[in-house]
């Protein structure tokens, strides 16, 4: 029960890694507000966890829209009374696309969701975290650290998440707010399966990805949630400005 008494806000919490975090954080004693654009999935997850006796609250929000973010933070404080931990997990991927073939609209959508959204949620949550000397976890990726042919824009957004986390950690150190990035390797969830399907050769693409993880398997959303739990807990009280790679050795090669 490493998060007992903690109030947590998680964006992108309705599926994949975000959903695993909502489930694990609630199990570890946190009271959780989670947000996403797709209300049906969020409401179903809230009901499932409420039926198990956990204190979990869903609200629909679009992190790309500042008014929606302001409302989300206000609702979170109204519901929880405070915010101790913010997890920016909201994000999208794009089909593998060479830069010269990428539409400007696709580029802008990735930037708006993965970078602008992260910035907006941090901007409006920091005043609440200052009151609690809380912490922030931003979702990066192994692609923040290495090149990613066909996924240049996505890689740029995740590199932004890592550098933003490091810069914000320095900016907020005096307020005793910790800021870290969690950088997953290939994680077997809905987002990855969508990406694999978009390659036109899902089986071949999955084998290519497996070959790049020396540990011999892809990660699970629960692998990433457990790493996020460490960063959110008091066990990581001296960890800030760090990019935690949870990638089965992908970037060690």
C-alpha atoms as a PDB file:
ATOM      1  CA  UNK A   1       0.000   0.000   0.000  1.00  0.00           C
ATOM      2  CA  UNK A   2       2.699   2.444  -1.055  1.00  0.00           C
ATOM      3  CA  UNK A   3       0.283   5.203  -2.083  1.00  0.00           C
ATOM      4  CA  UNK A   4      -2.034   5.218   0.917  1.00  0.00           C
ATOM      5  CA  UNK A   5      -3.317   8.742   1.457  1.00  0.00           C
ATOM      6  CA  UNK A   6      -2.110   9.949  -1.942  1.00  0.00           C
ATOM      7  CA  UNK A   7      -4.364  11.801  -4.384  1.00  0.00           C
ATOM      8  CA  UNK A   8      -3.445  11.014  -7.978  1.00  0.00           C
ATOM      9  CA  UNK A   9      -4.465  12.507 -11.327  1.00  0.00           C
ATOM     10  CA  UNK A  10      -3.776  10.345 -14.399  1.00  0.00           C
ATOM     11  CA  UNK A  11      -4.470  11.457 -17.965  1.00  0.00           C
ATOM     12  CA  UNK A  12      -4.945   8.837 -20.659  1.00  0.00           C
ATOM     13  CA  UNK A  13      -6.097   6.399 -18.005  1.00  0.00           C
ATOM     14  CA  UNK A  14      -8.788   4.497 -19.875  1.00  0.00           C
ATOM     15  CA  UNK A  15      -6.653   1.832 -21.577  1.00  0.00           C
ATOM     16  CA  UNK A  16      -3.164   0.438 -22.029  1.00  0.00           C
ATOM     17  CA  UNK A  17      -0.428   1.642 -19.688  1.00  0.00           C
ATOM     18  CA  UNK A  18      -2.704   4.339 -18.280  1.00  0.00           C
ATOM     19  CA  UNK A  19      -5.371   1.822 -17.324  1.00  0.00           C
ATOM     20  CA  UNK A  20      -2.752  -0.400 -15.669  1.00  0.00           C
ATOM     21  CA  UNK A  21      -1.603   2.593 -13.621  1.00  0.00           C
ATOM     22  CA  UNK A  22      -5.144   3.441 -12.530  1.00  0.00           C
ATOM     23  CA  UNK A  23      -5.686  -0.145 -11.381  1.00  0.00           C
ATOM     24  CA  UNK A  24      -2.343  -0.522  -9.603  1.00  0.00           C
ATOM     25  CA  UNK A  25      -2.361   2.902  -7.956  1.00  0.00           C
ATOM     26  CA  UNK A  26      -5.861   2.280  -6.603  1.00  0.00           C
ATOM     27  CA  UNK A  27      -4.776  -1.145  -5.329  1.00  0.00           C
ATOM     28  CA  UNK A  28      -1.808   0.550  -3.611  1.00  0.00           C
ATOM     29  CA  UNK A  29      -4.122   2.819  -1.645  1.00  0.00           C
ATOM     30  CA  UNK A  30      -4.368   5.967  -3.764  1.00  0.00           C
ATOM     31  CA  UNK A  31      -7.539   7.870  -4.503  1.00  0.00           C
ATOM     32  CA  UNK A  32      -7.474   8.389  -8.247  1.00  0.00           C
ATOM     33  CA  UNK A  33      -9.034  10.741 -10.766  1.00  0.00           C
ATOM     34  CA  UNK A  34      -8.321   9.654 -14.326  1.00  0.00           C
ATOM     35  CA  UNK A  35      -9.220  11.353 -17.568  1.00  0.00           C
ATOM     36  CA  UNK A  36      -9.500  10.498 -21.243  1.00  0.00           C
ATOM     37  CA  UNK A  37     -11.430  11.581 -24.302  1.00  0.00           C
ATOM     38  CA  UNK A  38     -13.331   8.294 -24.733  1.00  0.00           C
ATOM     39  CA  UNK A  39     -15.943   8.373 -22.002  1.00  0.00           C
ATOM     40  CA  UNK A  40     -17.340   4.867 -22.551  1.00  0.00           C
ATOM     41  CA  UNK A  41     -14.072   3.118 -21.686  1.00  0.00           C
ATOM     42  CA  UNK A  42     -13.418   5.411 -18.743  1.00  0.00           C
ATOM     43  CA  UNK A  43     -16.859   4.940 -17.250  1.00  0.00           C
ATOM     44  CA  UNK A  44     -16.578   1.165 -17.593  1.00  0.00           C
ATOM     45  CA  UNK A  45     -13.219   1.142 -15.815  1.00  0.00           C
ATOM     46  CA  UNK A  46     -14.537   3.382 -13.050  1.00  0.00           C
ATOM     47  CA  UNK A  47     -17.491   1.038 -12.469  1.00  0.00           C
ATOM     48  CA  UNK A  48     -15.269  -2.039 -12.459  1.00  0.00           C
ATOM     49  CA  UNK A  49     -12.962  -0.580  -9.811  1.00  0.00           C
ATOM     50  CA  UNK A  50     -15.771   0.958  -7.774  1.00  0.00           C
ATOM     51  CA  UNK A  51     -17.420  -2.467  -7.647  1.00  0.00           C
ATOM     52  CA  UNK A  52     -14.174  -3.743  -6.133  1.00  0.00           C
ATOM     53  CA  UNK A  53     -14.303  -1.032  -3.457  1.00  0.00           C
ATOM     54  CA  UNK A  54     -11.665   1.328  -4.840  1.00  0.00           C
ATOM     55  CA  UNK A  55     -11.916   5.131  -4.825  1.00  0.00           C
ATOM     56  CA  UNK A  56     -11.580   5.923  -8.505  1.00  0.00           C
ATOM     57  CA  UNK A  57     -13.253   8.728 -10.445  1.00  0.00           C
ATOM     58  CA  UNK A  58     -13.392   9.222 -14.217  1.00  0.00           C
ATOM     59  CA  UNK A  59     -13.890  12.498 -16.030  1.00  0.00           C
ATOM     60  CA  UNK A  60     -13.885  13.107 -19.775  1.00  0.00           C
ATOM     61  CA  UNK A  61     -11.275  15.653 -20.834  1.00  0.00           C
ATOM     62  CA  UNK A  62      -9.271  16.685 -23.879  1.00  0.00           C
ATOM     63  CA  UNK A  63      -5.705  17.591 -22.886  1.00  0.00           C
ATOM     64  CA  UNK A  64      -5.245  19.535 -26.120  1.00  0.00           C
ATOM     65  CA  UNK A  65      -7.822  22.095 -24.992  1.00  0.00           C
ATOM     66  CA  UNK A  66      -6.808  24.512 -22.232  1.00  0.00           C
ATOM     67  CA  UNK A  67     -10.338  25.120 -20.962  1.00  0.00           C
ATOM     68  CA  UNK A  68     -10.865  21.360 -20.683  1.00  0.00           C
ATOM     69  CA  UNK A  69      -7.600  21.010 -18.750  1.00  0.00           C
ATOM     70  CA  UNK A  70      -8.506  23.812 -16.341  1.00  0.00           C
ATOM     71  CA  UNK A  71     -11.851  22.120 -15.700  1.00  0.00           C
ATOM     72  CA  UNK A  72     -10.122  18.764 -15.184  1.00  0.00           C
ATOM     73  CA  UNK A  73      -7.753  20.147 -12.558  1.00  0.00           C
ATOM     74  CA  UNK A  74     -10.552  21.980 -10.771  1.00  0.00           C
ATOM     75  CA  UNK A  75     -12.726  18.863 -10.745  1.00  0.00           C
ATOM     76  CA  UNK A  76      -9.810  16.762  -9.496  1.00  0.00           C
ATOM     77  CA  UNK A  77      -9.173  19.107  -6.573  1.00  0.00           C
ATOM     78  CA  UNK A  78     -12.890  19.252  -5.808  1.00  0.00           C
ATOM     79  CA  UNK A  79     -13.073  15.455  -5.800  1.00  0.00           C
ATOM     80  CA  UNK A  80      -9.772  14.610  -4.104  1.00  0.00           C
ATOM     81  CA  UNK A  81      -9.176  17.697  -1.995  1.00  0.00           C
ATOM     82  CA  UNK A  82      -5.577  17.855  -3.215  1.00  0.00           C
ATOM     83  CA  UNK A  83      -3.219  16.462  -5.843  1.00  0.00           C
ATOM     84  CA  UNK A  84      -0.073  14.631  -4.767  1.00  0.00           C
ATOM     85  CA  UNK A  85       0.852  12.933  -8.026  1.00  0.00           C
ATOM     86  CA  UNK A  86       0.248  13.844 -11.670  1.00  0.00           C
ATOM     87  CA  UNK A  87       0.805  11.274 -14.416  1.00  0.00           C
ATOM     88  CA  UNK A  88       0.728  12.539 -17.994  1.00  0.00           C
ATOM     89  CA  UNK A  89      -0.074   9.344 -19.878  1.00  0.00           C
ATOM     90  CA  UNK A  90      -2.397  10.781 -22.538  1.00  0.00           C
ATOM     91  CA  UNK A  91      -0.874  10.308 -25.951  1.00  0.00           C
ATOM     92  CA  UNK A  92      -1.377   9.013 -29.464  1.00  0.00           C
ATOM     93  CA  UNK A  93       0.695   7.162 -32.027  1.00  0.00           C
ATOM     94  CA  UNK A  94       0.665   7.392 -35.806  1.00  0.00           C
ATOM     95  CA  UNK A  95       0.969   4.725 -38.499  1.00  0.00           C
ATOM     96  CA  UNK A  96       4.577   4.226 -39.658  1.00  0.00           C
ATOM     97  CA  UNK A  97       5.077   7.115 -42.072  1.00  0.00           C
ATOM     98  CA  UNK A  98       8.234   8.529 -43.705  1.00  0.00           C
ATOM     99  CA  UNK A  99       8.686  12.238 -43.032  1.00  0.00           C
ATOM    100  CA  UNK A 100       8.228  13.183 -46.700  1.00  0.00           C
ATOM    101  CA  UNK A 101       4.886  11.353 -46.786  1.00  0.00           C
ATOM    102  CA  UNK A 102       3.540  12.667 -43.478  1.00  0.00           C
ATOM    103  CA  UNK A 103       0.612  15.070 -43.603  1.00  0.00           C
ATOM    104  CA  UNK A 104       1.012  18.293 -41.674  1.00  0.00           C
ATOM    105  CA  UNK A 105      -2.278  17.485 -39.941  1.00  0.00           C
ATOM    106  CA  UNK A 106      -0.842  14.219 -38.588  1.00  0.00           C
ATOM    107  CA  UNK A 107       2.282  16.008 -37.358  1.00  0.00           C
ATOM    108  CA  UNK A 108       0.208  18.710 -35.676  1.00  0.00           C
ATOM    109  CA  UNK A 109      -2.129  16.180 -34.041  1.00  0.00           C
ATOM    110  CA  UNK A 110       0.771  14.264 -32.494  1.00  0.00           C
ATOM    111  CA  UNK A 111       2.372  17.469 -31.254  1.00  0.00           C
ATOM    112  CA  UNK A 112      -0.908  18.803 -29.874  1.00  0.00           C
ATOM    113  CA  UNK A 113      -1.726  15.657 -27.917  1.00  0.00           C
ATOM    114  CA  UNK A 114       1.696  14.438 -26.815  1.00  0.00           C
ATOM    115  CA  UNK A 115       3.468  17.759 -26.183  1.00  0.00           C
ATOM    116  CA  UNK A 116       0.923  20.582 -25.869  1.00  0.00           C
ATOM    117  CA  UNK A 117      -1.325  18.363 -23.728  1.00  0.00           C
ATOM    118  CA  UNK A 118       1.525  17.476 -21.373  1.00  0.00           C
ATOM    119  CA  UNK A 119       2.479  21.148 -21.063  1.00  0.00           C
ATOM    120  CA  UNK A 120      -1.087  22.294 -20.375  1.00  0.00           C
ATOM    121  CA  UNK A 121      -1.772  19.681 -17.705  1.00  0.00           C
ATOM    122  CA  UNK A 122       1.524  20.433 -15.961  1.00  0.00           C
ATOM    123  CA  UNK A 123       0.967  24.190 -16.180  1.00  0.00           C
ATOM    124  CA  UNK A 124      -2.393  24.040 -14.450  1.00  0.00           C
ATOM    125  CA  UNK A 125      -1.533  21.315 -11.931  1.00  0.00           C
ATOM    126  CA  UNK A 126       1.746  22.770 -10.649  1.00  0.00           C
ATOM    127  CA  UNK A 127       0.029  25.236  -8.257  1.00  0.00           C
ATOM    128  CA  UNK A 128      -1.738  22.291  -6.607  1.00  0.00           C
ATOM    129  CA  UNK A 129       1.426  20.179  -6.479  1.00  0.00           C
ATOM    130  CA  UNK A 130       3.264  23.071  -4.853  1.00  0.00           C
ATOM    131  CA  UNK A 131       0.869  22.803  -1.915  1.00  0.00           C
ATOM    132  CA  UNK A 132       1.634  19.111  -1.419  1.00  0.00           C
ATOM    133  CA  UNK A 133       5.264  18.998  -2.582  1.00  0.00           C
ATOM    134  CA  UNK A 134       4.055  16.405  -5.038  1.00  0.00           C
ATOM    135  CA  UNK A 135       5.472  14.768  -8.131  1.00  0.00           C
ATOM    136  CA  UNK A 136       4.968  14.523 -11.879  1.00  0.00           C
ATOM    137  CA  UNK A 137       5.523  11.544 -14.184  1.00  0.00           C
ATOM    138  CA  UNK A 138       5.553  12.205 -17.933  1.00  0.00           C
ATOM    139  CA  UNK A 139       5.376   9.341 -20.432  1.00  0.00           C
ATOM    140  CA  UNK A 140       8.380   9.158 -22.691  1.00  0.00           C
ATOM    141  CA  UNK A 141       9.563   6.191 -24.750  1.00  0.00           C
ATOM    142  CA  UNK A 142      12.693   4.374 -25.836  1.00  0.00           C
ATOM    143  CA  UNK A 143      12.155   6.358 -29.041  1.00  0.00           C
ATOM    144  CA  UNK A 144      13.051   9.441 -26.992  1.00  0.00           C
ATOM    145  CA  UNK A 145      16.590   8.053 -26.820  1.00  0.00           C
ATOM    146  CA  UNK A 146      17.154   6.405 -30.196  1.00  0.00           C
ATOM    147  CA  UNK A 147      16.215   7.047 -33.790  1.00  0.00           C
ATOM    148  CA  UNK A 148      12.910   5.692 -35.055  1.00  0.00           C
ATOM    149  CA  UNK A 149      12.671   5.328 -38.810  1.00  0.00           C
ATOM    150  CA  UNK A 150       9.073   5.857 -39.891  1.00  0.00           C
ATOM    151  CA  UNK A 151       8.118   7.278 -36.497  1.00  0.00           C
ATOM    152  CA  UNK A 152      10.104  10.497 -36.468  1.00  0.00           C
ATOM    153  CA  UNK A 153       7.275  12.710 -35.244  1.00  0.00           C
ATOM    154  CA  UNK A 154       6.291  10.353 -32.428  1.00  0.00           C
ATOM    155  CA  UNK A 155       9.957  10.101 -31.417  1.00  0.00           C
ATOM    156  CA  UNK A 156      10.232  13.896 -31.347  1.00  0.00           C
ATOM    157  CA  UNK A 157       7.222  14.151 -29.030  1.00  0.00           C
ATOM    158  CA  UNK A 158       8.738  11.610 -26.640  1.00  0.00           C
ATOM    159  CA  UNK A 159      12.144  13.292 -26.713  1.00  0.00           C
ATOM    160  CA  UNK A 160      10.242  16.456 -25.801  1.00  0.00           C
ATOM    161  CA  UNK A 161       8.671  14.638 -22.841  1.00  0.00           C
ATOM    162  CA  UNK A 162      12.100  13.649 -21.521  1.00  0.00           C
ATOM    163  CA  UNK A 163      13.695  17.070 -21.906  1.00  0.00           C
ATOM    164  CA  UNK A 164      10.583  18.809 -20.583  1.00  0.00           C
ATOM    165  CA  UNK A 165      10.737  16.552 -17.510  1.00  0.00           C
ATOM    166  CA  UNK A 166      14.407  17.314 -16.896  1.00  0.00           C
ATOM    167  CA  UNK A 167      13.908  21.046 -17.374  1.00  0.00           C
ATOM    168  CA  UNK A 168      10.795  21.118 -15.198  1.00  0.00           C
ATOM    169  CA  UNK A 169      12.589  19.108 -12.494  1.00  0.00           C
ATOM    170  CA  UNK A 170      15.172  21.894 -12.237  1.00  0.00           C
ATOM    171  CA  UNK A 171      12.523  24.589 -12.386  1.00  0.00           C
ATOM    172  CA  UNK A 172      10.486  23.057  -9.567  1.00  0.00           C
ATOM    173  CA  UNK A 173      13.233  21.638  -7.358  1.00  0.00           C
ATOM    174  CA  UNK A 174      12.980  24.620  -5.031  1.00  0.00           C
ATOM    175  CA  UNK A 175       9.303  23.787  -4.502  1.00  0.00           C
ATOM    176  CA  UNK A 176      10.223  20.164  -3.657  1.00  0.00           C
ATOM    177  CA  UNK A 177       8.206  18.943  -6.645  1.00  0.00           C
ATOM    178  CA  UNK A 178       9.817  15.919  -8.278  1.00  0.00           C
ATOM    179  CA  UNK A 179       9.516  15.462 -12.054  1.00  0.00           C
ATOM    180  CA  UNK A 180      10.526  12.313 -13.925  1.00  0.00           C
ATOM    181  CA  UNK A 181       9.905  10.622 -17.255  1.00  0.00           C
ATOM    182  CA  UNK A 182       8.938   6.972 -17.659  1.00  0.00           C
ATOM    183  CA  UNK A 183      10.248   5.559 -20.938  1.00  0.00           C
ATOM    184  CA  UNK A 184       8.666   2.232 -21.929  1.00  0.00           C
ATOM    185  CA  UNK A 185      10.044  -0.140 -24.479  1.00  0.00           C
ATOM    186  CA  UNK A 186       7.716  -2.108 -26.706  1.00  0.00           C
ATOM    187  CA  UNK A 187       4.648  -2.726 -24.567  1.00  0.00           C
ATOM    188  CA  UNK A 188       1.990  -5.217 -25.619  1.00  0.00           C
ATOM    189  CA  UNK A 189      -1.148  -3.092 -25.397  1.00  0.00           C
ATOM    190  CA  UNK A 190      -3.832  -1.692 -27.681  1.00  0.00           C
ATOM    191  CA  UNK A 191      -1.630   1.146 -28.903  1.00  0.00           C
ATOM    192  CA  UNK A 192       1.147  -1.205 -29.984  1.00  0.00           C
ATOM    193  CA  UNK A 193      -1.282  -3.620 -31.627  1.00  0.00           C
ATOM    194  CA  UNK A 194      -2.807  -0.740 -33.613  1.00  0.00           C
ATOM    195  CA  UNK A 195       0.689   0.350 -34.674  1.00  0.00           C
ATOM    196  CA  UNK A 196       1.647  -3.188 -35.701  1.00  0.00           C
ATOM    197  CA  UNK A 197      -1.523  -3.559 -37.762  1.00  0.00           C
ATOM    198  CA  UNK A 198      -0.817  -0.259 -39.514  1.00  0.00           C
ATOM    199  CA  UNK A 199       2.515  -1.584 -40.811  1.00  0.00           C
ATOM    200  CA  UNK A 200       0.677  -4.028 -43.101  1.00  0.00           C
ATOM    201  CA  UNK A 201       2.720  -6.920 -41.691  1.00  0.00           C
ATOM    202  CA  UNK A 202       1.789  -7.173 -38.017  1.00  0.00           C
ATOM    203  CA  UNK A 203       3.546 -10.505 -37.440  1.00  0.00           C
ATOM    204  CA  UNK A 204       6.748  -9.389 -39.128  1.00  0.00           C
ATOM    205  CA  UNK A 205       6.757  -6.047 -37.336  1.00  0.00           C
ATOM    206  CA  UNK A 206       6.193  -7.729 -33.981  1.00  0.00           C
ATOM    207  CA  UNK A 207       9.114 -10.108 -34.596  1.00  0.00           C
ATOM    208  CA  UNK A 208      11.309  -7.134 -35.589  1.00  0.00           C
ATOM    209  CA  UNK A 209      10.395  -5.488 -32.310  1.00  0.00           C
ATOM    210  CA  UNK A 210      10.928  -8.648 -30.264  1.00  0.00           C
ATOM    211  CA  UNK A 211      14.402  -9.051 -31.770  1.00  0.00           C
ATOM    212  CA  UNK A 212      15.326  -5.642 -30.386  1.00  0.00           C
ATOM    213  CA  UNK A 213      14.449  -6.526 -26.786  1.00  0.00           C
ATOM    214  CA  UNK A 214      17.327  -8.654 -25.445  1.00  0.00           C
ATOM    215  CA  UNK A 215      15.232  -9.867 -22.516  1.00  0.00           C
ATOM    216  CA  UNK A 216      13.261 -11.906 -25.051  1.00  0.00           C
ATOM    217  CA  UNK A 217       9.756 -10.512 -24.721  1.00  0.00           C
ATOM    218  CA  UNK A 218       7.728  -7.353 -24.997  1.00  0.00           C
ATOM    219  CA  UNK A 219       6.724  -5.483 -21.886  1.00  0.00           C
ATOM    220  CA  UNK A 220       3.263  -5.464 -20.379  1.00  0.00           C
ATOM    221  CA  UNK A 221       1.251  -2.471 -19.202  1.00  0.00           C
ATOM    222  CA  UNK A 222       1.703  -3.828 -15.681  1.00  0.00           C
ATOM    223  CA  UNK A 223       5.510  -3.700 -16.067  1.00  0.00           C
ATOM    224  CA  UNK A 224       5.222   0.004 -16.792  1.00  0.00           C
ATOM    225  CA  UNK A 225       2.678   0.625 -14.039  1.00  0.00           C
ATOM    226  CA  UNK A 226       4.989  -0.927 -11.442  1.00  0.00           C
ATOM    227  CA  UNK A 227       7.816   1.356 -12.548  1.00  0.00           C
ATOM    228  CA  UNK A 228       5.479   4.353 -12.349  1.00  0.00           C
ATOM    229  CA  UNK A 229       4.449   3.236  -8.862  1.00  0.00           C
ATOM    230  CA  UNK A 230       8.069   3.480  -7.756  1.00  0.00           C
ATOM    231  CA  UNK A 231       8.405   6.992  -9.193  1.00  0.00           C
ATOM    232  CA  UNK A 232       5.137   8.077  -7.559  1.00  0.00           C
ATOM    233  CA  UNK A 233       5.947   6.615  -4.160  1.00  0.00           C
ATOM    234  CA  UNK A 234       8.116   7.881  -1.321  1.00  0.00           C
ATOM    235  CA  UNK A 235      10.644   5.203  -2.314  1.00  0.00           C
ATOM    236  CA  UNK A 236      11.686   7.647  -5.057  1.00  0.00           C
ATOM    237  CA  UNK A 237      11.892  10.702  -2.798  1.00  0.00           C
ATOM    238  CA  UNK A 238      15.451  11.455  -4.025  1.00  0.00           C
ATOM    239  CA  UNK A 239      14.714  10.801  -7.706  1.00  0.00           C
ATOM    240  CA  UNK A 240      14.013  13.787  -9.932  1.00  0.00           C
ATOM    241  CA  UNK A 241      15.024  14.857 -13.429  1.00  0.00           C
ATOM    242  CA  UNK A 242      15.401  11.199 -14.386  1.00  0.00           C
ATOM    243  CA  UNK A 243      14.261   9.269 -17.465  1.00  0.00           C
ATOM    244  CA  UNK A 244      13.551   5.727 -16.293  1.00  0.00           C
ATOM    245  CA  UNK A 245      13.951   3.259 -19.144  1.00  0.00           C
ATOM    246  CA  UNK A 246      11.751   0.188 -18.730  1.00  0.00           C
ATOM    247  CA  UNK A 247      12.628  -1.399 -22.026  1.00  0.00           C
ATOM    248  CA  UNK A 248      13.941  -4.947 -21.635  1.00  0.00           C
ATOM    249  CA  UNK A 249      17.401  -3.835 -22.735  1.00  0.00           C
ATOM    250  CA  UNK A 250      16.284  -2.153 -25.997  1.00  0.00           C
ATOM    251  CA  UNK A 251      18.516   0.890 -25.520  1.00  0.00           C
ATOM    252  CA  UNK A 252      21.432  -1.021 -23.971  1.00  0.00           C
ATOM    253  CA  UNK A 253      22.565  -2.394 -27.341  1.00  0.00           C
END
